[in-house]
């Protein structure tokens, strides 16, 4: 798996977990104190998130960090 594939897979996993909670991008952005546009780029695999950003998102989604990488 290359870097671009990994970014897309992480983004897709975030969309999946967010959708399971019935949340919009705006809902998740508010819950983890991020801009909706930044979250959109992350979900679309356009940016390489830091580990801390992934931790903030996993905390907001109430899942373990490893679940973001479970694909």
Protein backbone atom coordinates (compact mmCIF):
# COMPACT_ATOMS: atom_id res chain seq x y z
CA UNK A 1 0.00 0.00 0.00
CA UNK A 2 1.40 3.39 -0.91
CA UNK A 3 0.93 6.73 0.85
CA UNK A 4 -1.99 7.87 -1.32
CA UNK A 5 -3.88 4.61 -0.83
CA UNK A 6 -3.35 4.80 2.92
CA UNK A 7 -4.69 8.38 3.10
CA UNK A 8 -7.78 7.34 1.10
CA UNK A 9 -8.40 4.27 3.28
CA UNK A 10 -8.12 6.25 6.51
CA UNK A 11 -10.49 8.86 5.09
CA UNK A 12 -12.98 6.21 4.04
CA UNK A 13 -12.82 4.62 7.49
CA UNK A 14 -13.55 7.98 9.14
CA UNK A 15 -16.55 8.45 6.83
CA UNK A 16 -17.77 4.96 7.72
CA UNK A 17 -17.48 5.50 11.48
CA UNK A 18 -18.97 8.99 11.26
CA UNK A 19 -21.92 7.68 9.24
CA UNK A 20 -22.54 4.91 11.78
CA UNK A 21 -23.11 7.63 14.38
CA UNK A 22 -25.44 9.49 12.01
CA UNK A 23 -23.14 12.52 12.05
CA UNK A 24 -22.46 15.01 9.30
CA UNK A 25 -18.97 16.32 8.61
CA UNK A 26 -19.95 19.45 10.52
CA UNK A 27 -20.99 17.38 13.54
CA UNK A 28 -17.65 15.58 13.64
CA UNK A 29 -15.72 18.79 13.00
CA UNK A 30 -17.41 20.43 15.99
CA UNK A 31 -16.82 17.39 18.19
CA UNK A 32 -13.07 17.39 17.53
CA UNK A 33 -12.64 21.16 17.17
CA UNK A 34 -11.62 21.09 13.49
CA UNK A 35 -12.77 23.05 10.45
CA UNK A 36 -15.32 21.20 8.34
CA UNK A 37 -13.22 21.91 5.25
CA UNK A 38 -10.15 20.35 6.88
CA UNK A 39 -12.19 17.27 7.77
CA UNK A 40 -13.52 17.07 4.22
CA UNK A 41 -9.96 17.06 2.84
CA UNK A 42 -8.99 14.37 5.32
CA UNK A 43 -11.97 12.19 4.42
CA UNK A 44 -11.19 12.59 0.71
CA UNK A 45 -7.56 11.54 1.20
CA UNK A 46 -6.21 14.95 0.22
CA UNK A 47 -4.13 15.50 3.37
CA UNK A 48 -1.85 13.42 5.55
CA UNK A 49 -3.25 13.70 9.10
CA UNK A 50 -1.00 13.77 12.12
CA UNK A 51 -1.25 11.04 14.69
CA UNK A 52 -2.66 13.57 17.15
CA UNK A 53 -5.39 14.58 14.67
CA UNK A 54 -6.36 10.93 14.30
CA UNK A 55 -6.46 10.62 18.08
CA UNK A 56 -8.76 13.65 18.33
CA UNK A 57 -11.07 12.18 15.71
CA UNK A 58 -11.13 8.75 17.36
CA UNK A 59 -11.94 10.37 20.71
CA UNK A 60 -14.78 12.38 19.14
CA UNK A 61 -16.15 9.22 17.50
CA UNK A 62 -15.72 7.34 20.79
CA UNK A 63 -13.63 4.57 19.21
CA UNK A 64 -10.10 3.42 19.87
CA UNK A 65 -7.43 4.88 17.62
CA UNK A 66 -6.69 1.44 16.22
CA UNK A 67 -10.27 1.30 14.89
CA UNK A 68 -9.48 4.14 12.49
CA UNK A 69 -6.84 1.91 10.95
CA UNK A 70 -8.96 -1.25 10.89
CA UNK A 71 -9.64 -1.66 7.17
